[in-house]
Amino acid sequence: MKSFIDHLECTYCGKTYPENKPIRLCEACGKVLYARYDASAAKKAVKREAIKDRPASMWRYFEMLPVHNEANVVTLQEGWTPIIPAPKLAKAIGSQSVVIKDEGINPTGTFKVRGISAAISKANELGIKSVTMPTAGNAGGACSFYAARAGMGAYVFMPKDAPEANQKEVVHAGAKLTLVDGLIGEAGKQARKLAADSGFFDLSTLQEPYRAEGKKTMGYEIAEQMRWTFPDVIMYPTGGGTGIVGIWKAVFEMEALGWTDGKRPRIFAVQSENCQPIVNAFKKGAEFAEPWPTPHTIAHGMRVPSAIADYLILRVLRESKGGGVTVSDQEIIEHMRLVARTEGVFVCPEGAATAAGARKLIADGTISPDEKILLLNTGSGLKSLELL
């Protein structure tokens, strides 16, 4: 198989860069870089019908992923997670049609492995030997295991109050864990300092081009699993927002490939009432989000007071004719139980937030009861047992 990656492009100023050397952000404006592909050549080379016979992992879309040599791929068979019908949950929240894409069955129990697999694989291809990253929890665990598989050194910075399960898995996989006072922003400062001082490559969320490439495969899978179309609505729990921008990127790539029917989903960001920079900015009509001053939520993946891709997330919500909604910690716990007791799926707090958010948007008329809703559960509830 052949990757059709062509170059990197700044999502803000449009400056382009080669993809065959390590680079993080746009050197001209400091904004997020996207990997760009030769879609016309890929369209001629591979048909969507050929995908169905490939291995059940995210690397089934190899032509639209950033690694040239298959031998450089670092994988634990992540991806190809199920989409589960949820009729009893639908009835409980006032909908006629709800499905759950369950990312909790991924290696290390989280969707974070998609982005980490893509980023570690590209780092492997570029000859990088050590990586560092800040994390609220799950990404650090995923990074540690994939770095171990690749034979790389990994240096993870995490808030002291991050879930115990995440702290233990980092150490268990042999990575170096540093617990910091403060939130993910402080962890990011320390990770960037280490990267600058040591030359390690920094894998911070959307501060390098390739984690988004792994996350976008959720969009490819949703389309393929739903017979190359999309649901009316995708509910997405939002912290750094890599998944939102990745799925939207996949929508346009598949259109260019001729793989989808042109129907686009409405995408809604779900955030905590106590950490809602994106939802707040969306409601204000702002291009950028102001940092949230006092972030606090039991859903650690949504406790991100400031996202470097704020402008991209907001762009997706508006272009898709979606929006944003906030939920309380109490609603999150209630909906973890509701999903478990109606459908037997053990969702993480962030996944439960999507059910609570959908319920609110149906109640206020933003989402019609007859629209098909996909809830993205980003991890396993087994990693949040302390909440129950």
Protein backbone atom coordinates (compact mmCIF):
# COMPACT_ATOMS: atom_id res chain seq x y z
CA MET A 1 0.00 0.00 0.00
CA LYS A 2 1.07 3.56 -0.65
CA SER A 3 0.41 6.70 1.41
CA PHE A 4 -0.63 9.71 -0.65
CA ILE A 5 0.49 12.28 1.92
CA ASP A 6 1.87 15.24 -0.02
CA HIS A 7 2.74 18.09 2.37
CA LEU A 8 1.79 19.93 5.55
CA GLU A 9 -0.35 23.07 5.48
CA CYS A 10 -1.04 25.72 8.09
CA THR A 11 -4.74 25.84 8.94
CA TYR A 12 -4.55 29.59 9.57
CA CYS A 13 -2.13 31.31 7.18
CA GLY A 14 -1.88 28.58 4.53
CA LYS A 15 1.93 28.26 4.53
CA THR A 16 3.09 24.82 3.43
CA TYR A 17 5.91 22.58 4.65
CA PRO A 18 7.42 19.24 3.61
CA GLU A 19 6.21 16.21 5.56
CA ASN A 20 9.52 14.37 5.59
CA LYS A 21 11.09 16.16 8.54
CA PRO A 22 10.00 16.71 12.17
CA ILE A 23 7.89 19.82 12.60
CA ARG A 24 5.30 20.87 15.15
CA LEU A 25 3.47 24.14 14.47
CA CYS A 26 3.50 26.66 11.64
CA GLU A 27 6.79 28.50 11.78
CA ALA A 28 5.16 31.67 10.42
CA CYS A 29 2.14 32.08 12.72
CA GLY A 30 2.35 29.32 15.34
CA LYS A 31 -0.97 27.73 14.39
CA VAL A 32 -1.98 24.11 13.74
CA LEU A 33 -0.63 22.18 10.75
CA TYR A 34 -2.68 19.66 8.78
CA ALA A 35 -1.35 16.77 6.71
CA ARG A 36 -2.57 17.13 3.13
CA TYR A 37 -2.93 14.30 0.62
CA ASP A 38 -3.08 13.92 -3.15
CA ALA A 39 -6.73 12.91 -3.14
CA SER A 40 -7.04 12.74 -6.93
CA ALA A 41 -4.21 10.20 -7.14
CA ALA A 42 -5.59 8.27 -4.17
CA LYS A 43 -9.03 8.20 -5.80
CA LYS A 44 -7.56 6.48 -8.86
CA ALA A 45 -5.45 4.07 -6.84
CA VAL A 46 -7.94 2.74 -4.29
CA LYS A 47 -11.70 2.20 -4.33
CA ARG A 48 -13.76 2.10 -1.18
CA GLU A 49 -14.93 -1.41 -2.02
CA ALA A 50 -11.35 -2.63 -1.56
CA ILE A 51 -11.28 -1.42 2.05
CA LYS A 52 -13.79 -3.97 3.36
CA ASP A 53 -11.39 -6.90 3.06
CA ARG A 54 -8.58 -5.21 4.97
CA PRO A 55 -7.59 -5.82 8.63
CA ALA A 56 -10.01 -4.45 11.23
CA SER A 57 -7.89 -1.55 12.46
CA MET A 58 -7.61 2.14 11.68
CA TRP A 59 -4.70 1.37 9.34
CA ARG A 60 -7.17 -0.04 6.81
CA TYR A 61 -7.20 3.55 5.46
CA PHE A 62 -3.43 3.48 4.89
CA GLU A 63 -3.51 5.58 1.71
CA MET A 64 -4.89 8.53 3.69
CA LEU A 65 -2.57 8.16 6.67
CA PRO A 66 0.86 9.80 6.96
CA VAL A 67 3.31 6.85 7.10
CA HIS A 68 5.02 5.79 3.86
CA ASN A 69 6.51 2.45 4.89
CA GLU A 70 4.19 -0.09 6.47
CA ALA A 71 7.16 -1.43 8.45
CA ASN A 72 7.23 1.83 10.42
CA VAL A 73 3.63 1.50 11.66
CA VAL A 74 3.39 1.08 15.43
CA THR A 75 0.05 -0.58 16.14
CA LEU A 76 -1.83 -2.60 18.74
CA GLN A 77 -4.77 -3.07 16.33
CA GLU A 78 -6.50 0.12 17.41
CA GLY A 79 -9.68 1.26 15.74
CA TRP A 80 -12.59 -0.42 13.94
CA THR A 81 -14.64 -0.04 17.12
CA PRO A 82 -18.33 -0.98 16.98
CA ILE A 83 -21.33 1.26 16.48
CA ILE A 84 -23.95 -0.07 18.88
CA PRO A 85 -27.70 0.60 18.45
CA ALA A 86 -29.16 2.11 21.63
CA PRO A 87 -32.97 2.07 21.32
CA LYS A 88 -33.74 2.04 25.05
CA LEU A 89 -31.36 4.92 25.70
CA ALA A 90 -32.93 6.77 22.77
CA LYS A 91 -36.36 6.45 24.33
CA ALA A 92 -35.04 7.64 27.70
CA ILE A 93 -33.58 10.85 26.25
CA GLY A 94 -36.45 11.61 23.87
CA SER A 95 -34.97 10.41 20.57
CA GLN A 96 -36.13 7.92 17.99
CA SER A 97 -32.64 6.87 16.94
CA VAL A 98 -29.40 6.76 18.93
CA VAL A 99 -26.22 4.77 18.33
CA ILE A 100 -23.00 4.68 20.37
CA LYS A 101 -19.56 4.40 18.83
CA ASP A 102 -17.71 2.65 21.63
CA GLU A 103 -14.05 3.67 21.69
CA GLY A 104 -13.67 2.10 25.13
CA ILE A 105 -12.70 -1.26 23.63
CA ASN A 106 -9.51 0.19 22.11
CA PRO A 107 -6.08 -0.76 23.53
CA THR A 108 -5.59 1.03 26.88
CA GLY A 109 -9.37 1.62 26.92
CA THR A 110 -9.41 4.93 25.09
CA PHE A 111 -9.75 6.61 21.71
CA LYS A 112 -6.44 8.39 22.41
CA VAL A 113 -4.60 5.41 20.94
CA ARG A 114 -5.68 6.41 17.43
CA GLY A 115 -3.80 9.69 17.52
CA ILE A 116 -0.89 8.20 19.41
CA SER A 117 -0.51 5.32 16.95
CA ALA A 118 -0.35 7.75 14.01
CA ALA A 119 2.02 10.17 15.76
CA ILE A 120 4.37 7.50 17.14
CA SER A 121 4.41 5.73 13.76
CA LYS A 122 5.39 8.93 11.93
CA ALA A 123 7.97 9.73 14.61
CA ASN A 124 9.34 6.23 14.12
CA GLU A 125 9.61 6.81 10.38
CA LEU A 126 11.37 10.14 10.95
CA GLY A 127 13.94 8.52 13.24
CA ILE A 128 12.77 10.12 16.48
CA LYS A 129 13.98 8.20 19.54
CA SER A 130 12.22 9.94 22.46
CA VAL A 131 8.91 11.77 22.86
CA THR A 132 7.34 13.90 25.55
CA MET A 133 3.79 15.07 26.16
CA PRO A 134 1.42 16.66 28.67
CA THR A 135 -1.81 14.83 29.40
CA ALA A 136 -4.94 14.93 31.48
CA GLY A 137 -4.63 11.15 31.78
CA ASN A 138 -5.56 8.75 28.98
CA ALA A 139 -3.26 10.14 26.27
CA GLY A 140 -0.28 9.71 28.57
CA GLY A 141 -1.11 6.08 29.17
CA ALA A 142 -1.57 5.45 25.46
CA CYS A 143 1.68 7.24 24.63
CA SER A 144 3.59 5.15 27.16
CA PHE A 145 2.44 1.82 25.76
CA TYR A 146 2.96 2.76 22.11
CA ALA A 147 6.38 4.24 22.85
CA ALA A 148 7.26 0.98 24.59
CA ARG A 149 6.15 -0.98 21.53
CA ALA A 150 8.24 1.28 19.29
CA GLY A 151 11.28 1.10 21.55
CA MET A 152 11.17 4.85 22.19
CA GLY A 153 11.69 6.78 25.38
CA ALA A 154 8.58 8.54 26.71
CA TYR A 155 8.37 11.40 29.20
CA VAL A 156 4.85 12.18 30.42
CA PHE A 157 3.71 15.23 32.41
CA MET A 158 0.38 14.92 34.22
CA PRO A 159 -1.56 16.89 36.88
CA LYS A 160 -1.20 15.41 40.36
CA ASP A 161 -4.95 14.85 40.58
CA ALA A 162 -5.16 12.88 37.32
CA PRO A 163 -6.89 9.48 37.67
CA GLU A 164 -4.83 6.87 39.49
CA ALA A 165 -5.34 4.38 36.68
CA ASN A 166 -3.62 6.72 34.22
CA GLN A 167 -0.70 7.39 36.53
CA LYS A 168 -0.12 3.69 37.08
CA GLU A 169 -0.28 2.69 33.43
CA VAL A 170 2.38 5.26 32.50
CA VAL A 171 4.79 3.86 35.07
CA HIS A 172 3.84 0.27 34.28
CA ALA A 173 4.76 0.75 30.61
CA GLY A 174 8.18 2.08 31.57
CA ALA A 175 7.71 5.76 30.75
CA LYS A 176 8.99 8.56 32.95
CA LEU A 177 6.07 10.19 34.80
CA THR A 178 6.24 13.70 36.24
CA LEU A 179 3.26 14.87 38.31
CA VAL A 180 2.78 18.64 38.30
CA ASP A 181 0.98 21.15 40.48
CA GLY A 182 -1.79 22.67 38.39
CA LEU A 183 -3.68 21.61 35.27
CA ILE A 184 -2.76 20.42 31.79
CA GLY A 185 -1.51 23.91 30.88
CA GLU A 186 1.25 23.66 33.47
CA ALA A 187 2.00 20.10 32.33
CA GLY A 188 2.34 21.48 28.80
CA LYS A 189 4.84 24.13 29.88
CA GLN A 190 7.06 21.54 31.51
CA ALA A 191 6.80 19.13 28.57
CA ARG A 192 7.74 21.88 26.10
CA LYS A 193 10.70 22.90 28.27
CA LEU A 194 11.97 19.33 28.32
CA ALA A 195 11.53 19.10 24.56
CA ALA A 196 13.46 22.34 24.04
CA ASP A 197 16.24 21.36 26.43
CA SER A 198 16.66 17.75 25.32
CA GLY A 199 15.55 17.63 21.71
CA PHE A 200 12.74 15.16 22.48
CA PHE A 201 9.74 15.48 20.16
CA ASP A 202 6.67 17.05 21.78
CA LEU A 203 3.38 15.23 21.09
CA SER A 204 1.09 17.85 22.70
CA THR A 205 -2.48 17.88 21.39
CA LEU A 206 -2.58 19.47 17.91
CA GLN A 207 0.89 20.95 18.45
CA GLU A 208 2.15 18.39 15.94
CA PRO A 209 0.40 17.34 12.72
CA TYR A 210 -0.20 13.62 13.15
CA ARG A 211 -2.37 12.87 16.17
CA ALA A 212 -5.27 14.43 14.25
CA GLU A 213 -4.59 11.96 11.43
CA GLY A 214 -5.22 9.03 13.75
CA LYS A 215 -8.32 10.64 15.24
CA LYS A 216 -9.80 11.34 11.80
CA THR A 217 -10.12 7.59 11.25
CA MET A 218 -13.17 7.71 13.52
CA GLY A 219 -14.81 9.68 10.71
CA TYR A 220 -13.76 7.15 8.09
CA GLU A 221 -15.09 4.29 10.21
CA ILE A 222 -18.40 5.99 10.96
CA ALA A 223 -18.99 6.47 7.25
CA GLU A 224 -17.96 2.93 6.30
CA GLN A 225 -19.91 1.29 9.11
CA MET A 226 -23.01 3.29 8.15
CA ARG A 227 -22.75 2.29 4.47
CA TRP A 228 -20.72 5.33 3.43
CA THR A 229 -23.01 7.95 4.84
CA PHE A 230 -23.16 9.87 8.12
CA PRO A 231 -25.69 10.20 10.93
CA ASP A 232 -27.57 13.47 11.20
CA VAL A 233 -25.81 14.42 14.44
CA ILE A 234 -22.50 13.56 16.11
CA MET A 235 -22.20 14.41 19.82
CA TYR A 236 -18.56 14.84 20.81
CA PRO A 237 -17.07 15.43 24.31
CA THR A 238 -14.63 18.29 23.87
CA GLY A 239 -11.37 19.12 25.58
CA GLY A 240 -8.49 19.69 23.15
CA GLY A 241 -10.82 18.92 20.25
CA THR A 242 -8.58 16.72 18.11
CA GLY A 243 -11.43 14.32 17.41
CA ILE A 244 -13.84 17.02 16.27
CA VAL A 245 -11.41 18.57 13.82
CA GLY A 246 -10.19 15.14 12.73
CA ILE A 247 -13.68 13.83 11.93
CA TRP A 248 -14.50 17.00 9.99
CA LYS A 249 -11.23 16.68 8.07
CA ALA A 250 -12.23 13.10 7.19
CA VAL A 251 -15.61 14.30 5.90
CA PHE A 252 -13.93 16.48 3.28
CA GLU A 253 -11.27 13.92 2.40
CA MET A 254 -13.89 11.24 1.74
CA GLU A 255 -15.87 13.64 -0.42
CA ALA A 256 -12.71 14.29 -2.47
CA LEU A 257 -12.19 10.53 -2.78
CA GLY A 258 -15.79 10.04 -3.92
CA TRP A 259 -16.44 7.64 -1.05
CA THR A 260 -19.44 9.37 0.56
CA ASP A 261 -22.75 10.70 -0.69
CA GLY A 262 -22.15 14.35 0.24
CA LYS A 263 -24.27 14.27 3.39
CA ARG A 264 -22.46 15.95 6.27
CA PRO A 265 -23.24 15.47 9.97
CA ARG A 266 -24.05 18.27 12.35
CA ILE A 267 -21.39 18.20 15.06
CA PHE A 268 -22.01 19.33 18.64
CA ALA A 269 -19.29 19.94 21.22
CA VAL A 270 -20.20 18.85 24.75
CA GLN A 271 -18.37 20.52 27.62
CA SER A 272 -18.65 20.77 31.38
CA GLU A 273 -20.54 23.65 32.93
CA ASN A 274 -17.35 24.29 34.90
CA CYS A 275 -15.00 24.27 31.89
CA GLN A 276 -16.69 25.53 28.75
CA PRO A 277 -14.33 27.77 26.75
CA ILE A 278 -15.49 26.44 23.37
CA VAL A 279 -19.23 26.53 24.09
CA ASN A 280 -18.89 30.01 25.56
CA ALA A 281 -17.02 31.28 22.50
CA PHE A 282 -19.53 29.63 20.16
CA LYS A 283 -22.43 31.37 21.85
CA LYS A 284 -20.60 34.71 21.66
CA GLY A 285 -19.84 34.28 17.97
CA ALA A 286 -16.11 34.59 18.67
CA GLU A 287 -13.33 33.26 16.42
CA PHE A 288 -11.16 32.28 19.37
CA ALA A 289 -11.99 31.04 22.88
CA GLU A 290 -10.90 32.83 26.02
CA PRO A 291 -9.12 30.55 28.54
CA TRP A 292 -11.54 29.27 31.18
CA PRO A 293 -10.43 30.74 34.52
CA THR A 294 -11.56 28.06 36.99
CA PRO A 295 -11.77 24.70 35.19
CA HIS A 296 -13.18 21.85 37.22
CA THR A 297 -14.97 18.66 36.25
CA ILE A 298 -14.91 14.97 37.06
CA ALA A 299 -14.50 14.36 33.30
CA HIS A 300 -10.73 14.91 33.12
CA GLY A 301 -10.68 14.69 29.33
CA MET A 302 -12.87 17.80 29.16
CA ARG A 303 -10.88 19.75 31.76
CA VAL A 304 -8.93 21.75 29.16
CA PRO A 305 -9.16 25.49 29.88
CA SER A 306 -7.48 26.54 26.63
CA ALA A 307 -7.18 24.64 23.33
CA ILE A 308 -4.65 25.63 20.67
CA ALA A 309 -7.17 24.50 18.03
CA ASP A 310 -10.00 26.63 19.41
CA TYR A 311 -10.47 28.40 16.06
CA LEU A 312 -10.64 25.06 14.22
CA ILE A 313 -13.18 23.56 16.63
CA LEU A 314 -15.39 26.65 16.39
CA ARG A 315 -15.07 26.59 12.61
CA VAL A 316 -16.30 22.96 12.55
CA LEU A 317 -19.30 23.70 14.77
CA ARG A 318 -20.37 26.56 12.51
CA GLU A 319 -19.61 24.94 9.15
CA SER A 320 -21.48 21.79 10.18
CA LYS A 321 -24.47 23.78 11.47
CA GLY A 322 -23.95 22.16 14.84
CA GLY A 323 -23.24 23.89 18.14
CA GLY A 324 -22.32 23.41 21.76
CA VAL A 325 -23.93 22.34 25.01
CA THR A 326 -22.80 22.07 28.63
CA VAL A 327 -23.62 19.48 31.28
CA SER A 328 -23.07 19.23 35.03
CA ASP A 329 -20.98 16.64 36.84
CA GLN A 330 -24.16 15.27 38.40
CA GLU A 331 -25.70 14.81 34.94
CA ILE A 332 -22.54 13.00 33.84
CA ILE A 333 -22.79 10.48 36.69
CA GLU A 334 -26.52 10.01 36.11
CA HIS A 335 -25.96 9.28 32.42
CA MET A 336 -23.09 6.87 33.07
CA ARG A 337 -25.68 4.86 35.02
CA LEU A 338 -28.41 5.41 32.44
CA VAL A 339 -26.31 4.13 29.54
CA ALA A 340 -25.16 1.14 31.58
CA ARG A 341 -28.66 0.21 32.74
CA THR A 342 -30.42 0.72 29.40
CA GLU A 343 -27.82 -0.60 26.97
CA GLY A 344 -25.16 -2.43 28.97
CA VAL A 345 -22.35 -0.16 27.78
CA PHE A 346 -19.88 1.04 30.40
CA VAL A 347 -19.09 4.53 29.14
CA CYS A 348 -16.50 6.92 30.52
CA PRO A 349 -17.59 10.27 32.04
CA GLU A 350 -16.90 12.07 28.77
CA GLY A 351 -19.01 9.56 26.85
CA ALA A 352 -21.83 9.95 29.35
CA ALA A 353 -21.67 13.71 28.80
CA THR A 354 -22.69 13.19 25.16
CA ALA A 355 -25.89 11.42 26.23
CA ALA A 356 -26.69 14.18 28.73
CA GLY A 357 -25.96 16.83 26.10
CA ALA A 358 -28.13 15.15 23.49
CA ARG A 359 -30.99 14.97 25.98
CA LYS A 360 -30.78 18.73 26.56
CA LEU A 361 -30.61 19.58 22.86
CA ILE A 362 -33.61 17.37 22.08
CA ALA A 363 -35.57 18.96 24.93
CA ASP A 364 -34.90 22.51 23.69
CA GLY A 365 -35.62 21.67 20.05
CA THR A 366 -32.07 22.10 18.72
CA ILE A 367 -32.04 18.43 17.71
CA SER A 368 -35.21 16.88 16.31
CA PRO A 369 -36.38 13.59 17.86
CA ASP A 370 -36.31 11.96 14.41
CA GLU A 371 -32.67 12.82 13.67
CA LYS A 372 -30.20 9.94 13.86
CA ILE A 373 -27.74 10.70 16.67
CA LEU A 374 -24.30 9.17 17.16
CA LEU A 375 -22.81 9.47 20.64
CA LEU A 376 -19.04 9.16 20.73
CA ASN A 377 -17.95 7.32 23.85
CA THR A 378 -14.27 8.06 24.07
CA GLY A 379 -13.21 5.51 26.68
CA SER A 380 -14.02 2.71 29.08
CA GLY A 381 -15.85 3.40 32.31
CA LEU A 382 -13.50 0.88 33.94
CA LYS A 383 -10.86 3.63 34.10
CA SER A 384 -13.11 5.85 36.23
CA LEU A 385 -14.24 3.46 38.94
CA GLU A 386 -13.47 6.02 41.66
CA LEU A 387 -16.43 8.10 40.43
CA LEU A 388 -18.88 5.28 41.14
